[in-house]
């Protein structure tokens, strides 16, 4: 999908959000959901995925529909108030300005409240539920995965979900800390950022465990022609967590921002951003580079960023 080359909305690679750190910060309730000029293309892409591959982008456990409805109701209250020019209430629910009356996804998942909620916003929506083995992924609409598989993570607790992430596997200090944070989350919503590099502008960017192992083992370049600046995209994930007041499930939202790497050359803080970006890439160890799929391309990316900082 073609995305306009506006200046980046978020630049966590400026040093404010380090990779492989938890980095949760309090979230202003008014800034819960983000809406921009990509809203309609994002929603159209979600509808396409629901029609073509519904089983890969939506999952739900029995007994989660009430919590899903709680999410839909929360968005129905928040969106028209926060973005009155984009959303309005109708007898049928919430209407998004500029959309036509679409039928429910033909796959039959259209009756799921979480699917309905997901077709209002650019964010992906994940419900985490507490059980005997900790917080597990109980339901989710994930149309824009950042190198993971919803089906593979479905029903698994946090420590297993994060098992492939260096330093976050079962028994690690970070895994224990995340579980405690989830347990302690009450009225205050929080946010964090994550970021990565990909070689195209695809929003739907899944990766299975087998594919991840292959990528880490073979360490192929994502840029076989060597032109990193022309093909690299910065994928920024803005993530929020909030505990739902009725179900006590935790709603995890993920908003994807895709920016061509080359657009940094036009940023007023180009030098600062590029140098910080390069420094963070250089600080990654082999396990972290393998996980991010950057082992073969890190040095080329660093060179591009250094030239960008010095020459523009």
Protein backbone atom coordinates (compact mmCIF):
# COMPACT_ATOMS: atom_id res chain seq x y z
CA UNK A 1 0.00 0.00 0.00
CA UNK A 2 1.32 3.42 -0.92
CA UNK A 3 1.69 5.80 1.98
CA UNK A 4 2.35 9.49 1.53
CA UNK A 5 5.82 10.59 2.51
CA UNK A 6 4.91 13.04 5.26
CA UNK A 7 7.39 13.66 8.06
CA UNK A 8 7.26 10.94 10.74
CA UNK A 9 4.66 11.35 13.46
CA UNK A 10 6.74 9.43 16.01
CA UNK A 11 10.53 9.09 16.22
CA UNK A 12 11.27 6.74 19.14
CA UNK A 13 14.68 6.03 17.60
CA UNK A 14 15.70 9.48 18.87
CA UNK A 15 16.73 7.66 22.04
CA UNK A 16 13.46 8.06 23.92
CA UNK A 17 12.46 4.40 23.41
CA UNK A 18 15.26 1.88 23.43
CA UNK A 19 14.82 -1.47 21.73
CA UNK A 20 14.52 -4.52 24.01
CA UNK A 21 13.35 -2.45 26.96
CA UNK A 22 9.89 -2.27 28.51
CA UNK A 23 9.68 1.52 28.56
CA UNK A 24 6.08 1.96 29.73
CA UNK A 25 4.97 5.55 30.33
CA UNK A 26 1.67 7.04 31.58
CA UNK A 27 -0.80 7.75 28.78
CA UNK A 28 -2.95 10.86 28.53
CA UNK A 29 -6.51 9.44 28.27
CA UNK A 30 -7.30 11.94 25.52
CA UNK A 31 -4.44 10.53 23.44
CA UNK A 32 -5.58 6.91 23.62
CA UNK A 33 -6.38 6.49 19.91
CA UNK A 34 -4.63 8.18 16.99
CA UNK A 35 -6.42 9.24 13.82
CA UNK A 36 -4.73 10.68 10.74
CA UNK A 37 -5.18 10.96 6.97
CA UNK A 38 -4.36 7.25 6.56
CA UNK A 39 -7.53 6.19 8.44
CA UNK A 40 -9.59 5.19 5.41
CA UNK A 41 -6.77 3.26 3.65
CA UNK A 42 -6.01 1.40 6.89
CA UNK A 43 -9.66 0.45 7.35
CA UNK A 44 -9.90 -0.65 3.71
CA UNK A 45 -6.85 -2.87 4.19
CA UNK A 46 -8.42 -4.41 7.32
CA UNK A 47 -11.58 -5.22 5.37
CA UNK A 48 -9.54 -6.83 2.61
CA UNK A 49 -7.71 -9.02 5.11
CA UNK A 50 -10.94 -9.99 6.90
CA UNK A 51 -12.41 -11.06 3.57
CA UNK A 52 -9.33 -12.94 2.32
CA UNK A 53 -7.61 -14.42 5.39
CA UNK A 54 -10.00 -14.04 8.36
CA UNK A 55 -8.56 -16.97 10.33
CA UNK A 56 -5.11 -15.36 10.35
CA UNK A 57 -6.15 -11.91 11.53
CA UNK A 58 -8.87 -12.64 14.11
CA UNK A 59 -9.04 -15.09 17.01
CA UNK A 60 -11.28 -15.40 20.06
CA UNK A 61 -11.81 -17.71 22.98
CA UNK A 62 -15.31 -18.69 24.04
CA UNK A 63 -16.51 -16.39 26.76
CA UNK A 64 -14.76 -13.22 25.52
CA UNK A 65 -17.66 -11.59 23.68
CA UNK A 66 -18.72 -9.48 26.68
CA UNK A 67 -15.19 -8.10 27.02
CA UNK A 68 -15.09 -7.49 23.28
CA UNK A 69 -18.34 -5.54 23.58
CA UNK A 70 -16.77 -3.52 26.39
CA UNK A 71 -14.02 -2.50 23.97
CA UNK A 72 -16.56 -1.53 21.31
CA UNK A 73 -18.59 0.47 23.82
CA UNK A 74 -15.47 2.26 25.07
CA UNK A 75 -14.53 3.28 21.54
CA UNK A 76 -18.13 4.26 20.82
CA UNK A 77 -18.01 6.67 23.74
CA UNK A 78 -14.48 7.98 23.13
CA UNK A 79 -14.25 8.45 19.35
CA UNK A 80 -17.15 10.88 18.64
CA UNK A 81 -16.13 12.98 21.61
CA UNK A 82 -12.42 13.05 20.75
CA UNK A 83 -12.77 13.27 16.95
CA UNK A 84 -16.18 14.83 16.23
CA UNK A 85 -15.23 15.62 12.64
CA UNK A 86 -14.43 11.97 11.89
CA UNK A 87 -16.96 9.97 13.92
CA UNK A 88 -20.66 10.43 14.61
CA UNK A 89 -23.34 8.41 16.30
CA UNK A 90 -26.17 6.92 14.26
CA UNK A 91 -29.02 4.57 15.08
CA UNK A 92 -26.80 1.75 13.76
CA UNK A 93 -23.78 2.66 15.88
CA UNK A 94 -20.68 4.73 15.10
CA UNK A 95 -20.14 6.00 11.56
CA UNK A 96 -16.73 6.91 10.16
CA UNK A 97 -16.75 10.00 7.95
CA UNK A 98 -15.94 9.16 4.34
CA UNK A 99 -16.91 5.50 4.49
CA UNK A 100 -19.88 3.87 2.83
CA UNK A 101 -22.14 1.27 4.38
CA UNK A 102 -20.00 -1.85 4.15
CA UNK A 103 -21.48 -5.28 4.75
CA UNK A 104 -20.05 -7.31 7.61
CA UNK A 105 -17.03 -9.42 6.63
CA UNK A 106 -18.29 -12.34 4.59
CA UNK A 107 -16.23 -14.80 6.61
CA UNK A 108 -18.79 -14.75 9.40
CA UNK A 109 -16.58 -13.02 11.95
CA UNK A 110 -18.42 -9.75 11.47
CA UNK A 111 -20.59 -10.45 14.48
CA UNK A 112 -17.61 -10.31 16.81
CA UNK A 113 -17.60 -6.96 18.65
CA UNK A 114 -13.80 -6.81 18.49
CA UNK A 115 -13.94 -6.99 14.69
CA UNK A 116 -16.53 -4.20 14.66
CA UNK A 117 -14.34 -2.15 16.98
CA UNK A 118 -11.27 -2.73 14.82
CA UNK A 119 -13.08 -1.32 11.77
CA UNK A 120 -13.37 2.04 13.52
CA UNK A 121 -9.68 2.63 14.20
CA UNK A 122 -6.24 2.19 12.69
CA UNK A 123 -5.06 0.28 15.77
CA UNK A 124 -4.99 -3.47 16.14
CA UNK A 125 -6.80 -4.67 19.27
CA UNK A 126 -5.67 -7.52 21.54
CA UNK A 127 -7.46 -8.77 24.67
CA UNK A 128 -5.29 -10.25 27.42
CA UNK A 129 -7.00 -12.30 30.17
CA UNK A 130 -5.62 -13.43 33.54
CA UNK A 131 -5.53 -17.16 34.18
CA UNK A 132 -3.65 -19.63 36.35
CA UNK A 133 -0.58 -19.39 34.09
CA UNK A 134 -0.63 -15.59 33.88
CA UNK A 135 -1.94 -13.18 31.27
CA UNK A 136 -2.79 -14.90 27.98
CA UNK A 137 -3.90 -13.72 24.55
CA UNK A 138 -7.64 -14.49 24.72
CA UNK A 139 -8.92 -12.61 21.66
CA UNK A 140 -7.43 -10.39 19.03
CA UNK A 141 -7.81 -8.49 15.80
CA UNK A 142 -4.30 -8.27 14.37
CA UNK A 143 -4.34 -7.12 10.75
CA UNK A 144 -0.94 -5.45 10.88
CA UNK A 145 1.46 -7.82 12.70
CA UNK A 146 5.07 -6.76 13.10
CA UNK A 147 6.88 -10.02 12.35
CA UNK A 148 4.75 -12.38 14.43
CA UNK A 149 1.80 -14.71 14.00
CA UNK A 150 -1.49 -14.17 15.81
CA UNK A 151 -2.50 -17.81 15.41
CA UNK A 152 0.77 -19.04 16.96
CA UNK A 153 0.44 -16.70 19.95
CA UNK A 154 -3.29 -17.28 20.54
CA UNK A 155 -4.05 -18.68 23.99
CA UNK A 156 -0.45 -18.45 25.17
CA UNK A 157 0.66 -16.58 28.30
CA UNK A 158 2.96 -13.58 28.11
CA UNK A 159 6.14 -15.48 28.94
CA UNK A 160 5.56 -17.83 26.00
CA UNK A 161 4.51 -15.03 23.67
CA UNK A 162 7.78 -13.24 24.40
CA UNK A 163 9.92 -16.40 24.41
CA UNK A 164 11.74 -15.58 21.12
CA UNK A 165 12.63 -12.05 22.29
CA UNK A 166 16.20 -11.84 23.65
CA UNK A 167 16.07 -11.17 27.38
CA UNK A 168 12.30 -11.61 27.66
CA UNK A 169 11.85 -15.40 27.72
CA UNK A 170 10.37 -17.49 30.54
CA UNK A 171 12.17 -17.00 33.84
CA UNK A 172 13.84 -13.76 32.76
CA UNK A 173 13.74 -10.65 34.91
CA UNK A 174 11.91 -8.76 32.15
CA UNK A 175 9.23 -11.46 31.84
CA UNK A 176 8.59 -11.37 35.58
CA UNK A 177 8.46 -7.57 35.55
CA UNK A 178 5.93 -7.48 32.70
CA UNK A 179 3.65 -9.91 34.52
CA UNK A 180 3.80 -7.76 37.66
CA UNK A 181 3.05 -4.66 35.61
CA UNK A 182 0.01 -6.33 34.06
CA UNK A 183 -1.20 -7.41 37.52
CA UNK A 184 -0.73 -3.91 38.90
CA UNK A 185 -2.32 -2.02 36.01
CA UNK A 186 -5.45 -0.29 37.28
CA UNK A 187 -7.06 2.95 36.13
CA UNK A 188 -3.96 4.50 34.57
CA UNK A 189 -3.39 3.56 30.94
CA UNK A 190 0.21 3.33 29.71
CA UNK A 191 2.00 3.43 26.37
CA UNK A 192 5.30 2.35 24.85
CA UNK A 193 6.99 2.36 21.46
CA UNK A 194 8.78 -0.27 19.47
CA UNK A 195 10.41 0.05 16.07
CA UNK A 196 12.02 -2.01 13.35
CA UNK A 197 13.14 -1.87 9.72
CA UNK A 198 11.42 -3.56 6.80
CA UNK A 199 12.11 -3.61 3.05
CA UNK A 200 8.64 -2.60 1.83
CA UNK A 201 5.55 -0.67 2.92
CA UNK A 202 3.32 -3.68 3.74
CA UNK A 203 1.12 -3.18 6.79
CA UNK A 204 0.40 -6.90 6.98
CA UNK A 205 3.87 -8.15 7.89
CA UNK A 206 3.57 -11.55 9.63
CA UNK A 207 6.35 -13.95 10.50
CA UNK A 208 5.96 -17.50 11.78
CA UNK A 209 8.33 -19.09 14.29
CA UNK A 210 9.76 -21.27 11.51
CA UNK A 211 10.34 -18.21 9.32
CA UNK A 212 11.95 -16.35 12.22
CA UNK A 213 14.37 -19.22 12.87
CA UNK A 214 15.21 -19.37 9.17
CA UNK A 215 15.82 -15.62 9.07
CA UNK A 216 18.07 -15.73 12.11
CA UNK A 217 19.96 -18.79 10.87
CA UNK A 218 20.57 -17.78 7.26
CA UNK A 219 20.89 -14.02 7.86
CA UNK A 220 19.88 -13.04 4.34
CA UNK A 221 19.96 -9.41 3.35
CA UNK A 222 16.58 -7.79 2.91
CA UNK A 223 18.14 -5.43 0.37
CA UNK A 224 19.85 -7.62 -2.23
CA UNK A 225 20.49 -4.67 -4.54
CA UNK A 226 22.23 -2.85 -1.68
CA UNK A 227 20.07 0.27 -1.99
CA UNK A 228 18.94 0.57 1.60
CA UNK A 229 17.93 4.22 1.37
CA UNK A 230 15.58 3.54 -1.54
CA UNK A 231 13.78 0.53 -0.07
CA UNK A 232 13.94 0.66 3.73
CA UNK A 233 10.88 1.61 5.77
CA UNK A 234 10.86 2.44 9.47
CA UNK A 235 8.05 0.56 11.19
CA UNK A 236 7.02 2.23 14.45
CA UNK A 237 4.58 0.55 16.83
CA UNK A 238 2.74 2.75 19.29
CA UNK A 239 1.37 0.39 21.92
CA UNK A 240 -1.10 1.16 24.72
CA UNK A 241 -2.33 -0.91 27.65
CA UNK A 242 -5.44 -0.29 29.73
CA UNK A 243 -7.39 -2.49 32.11
CA UNK A 244 -11.07 -2.68 31.22
CA UNK A 245 -13.17 -1.69 34.24
CA UNK A 246 -15.86 -4.40 33.96
CA UNK A 247 -14.17 -7.53 32.58
CA UNK A 248 -10.77 -6.65 34.13
CA UNK A 249 -9.16 -7.89 30.94
CA UNK A 250 -6.34 -5.79 29.53
CA UNK A 251 -6.77 -4.17 26.13
CA UNK A 252 -3.52 -3.96 24.19
CA UNK A 253 -3.64 -1.60 21.19
CA UNK A 254 -0.98 -1.44 18.47
CA UNK A 255 -0.86 1.44 16.00
CA UNK A 256 1.53 1.03 13.07
CA UNK A 257 3.32 3.96 11.47
CA UNK A 258 5.32 3.28 8.31
CA UNK A 259 7.83 5.88 7.17
CA UNK A 260 10.34 5.60 4.31
CA UNK A 261 13.84 5.80 5.74
CA UNK A 262 14.66 8.39 3.08
CA UNK A 263 12.10 10.81 4.51
CA UNK A 264 14.41 11.45 7.49
CA UNK A 265 16.62 13.45 5.13
CA UNK A 266 13.89 16.15 5.07
CA UNK A 267 13.38 16.23 8.82
CA UNK A 268 14.46 19.49 10.57
CA UNK A 269 16.21 17.36 13.22
CA UNK A 270 17.76 15.10 10.57
CA UNK A 271 21.27 14.95 12.02
CA UNK A 272 20.18 14.26 15.60
CA UNK A 273 17.68 11.58 14.58
CA UNK A 274 20.00 9.84 12.13
CA UNK A 275 22.94 9.74 14.54
CA UNK A 276 20.80 8.42 17.41
CA UNK A 277 19.23 5.84 15.09
CA UNK A 278 22.68 4.69 13.94
CA UNK A 279 24.01 4.52 17.49
CA UNK A 280 21.13 2.32 18.63
CA UNK A 281 21.61 -0.05 15.68
CA UNK A 282 25.32 -0.30 16.46
CA UNK A 283 24.56 -1.14 20.11
CA UNK A 284 22.50 -4.25 19.26
CA UNK A 285 24.17 -7.58 19.95
CA UNK A 286 24.04 -10.58 17.63
CA UNK A 287 20.98 -12.17 19.26
CA UNK A 288 19.09 -8.89 19.02
CA UNK A 289 20.14 -8.33 15.41
CA UNK A 290 19.06 -11.86 14.50
CA UNK A 291 15.69 -11.33 16.17
CA UNK A 292 15.13 -8.09 14.26
CA UNK A 293 16.42 -9.58 11.00
CA UNK A 294 19.12 -6.92 10.74
CA UNK A 295 22.32 -8.94 11.03
CA UNK A 296 23.28 -8.64 7.37
CA UNK A 297 21.99 -5.11 6.85
CA UNK A 298 22.89 -3.26 10.05
CA UNK A 299 26.19 -1.85 8.75
CA UNK A 300 24.62 -0.64 5.51
CA UNK A 301 21.83 1.03 7.45
CA UNK A 302 24.35 2.70 9.76
CA UNK A 303 26.31 4.00 6.76
CA UNK A 304 23.17 5.48 5.20
CA UNK A 305 22.20 7.15 8.46
CA UNK A 306 25.67 8.58 8.99
CA UNK A 307 25.72 10.02 5.48
CA UNK A 308 22.24 11.41 6.05
CA UNK A 309 23.39 13.14 9.23
CA UNK A 310 26.41 14.67 7.53
CA UNK A 311 25.16 15.40 4.03
CA UNK A 312 21.36 15.40 4.10
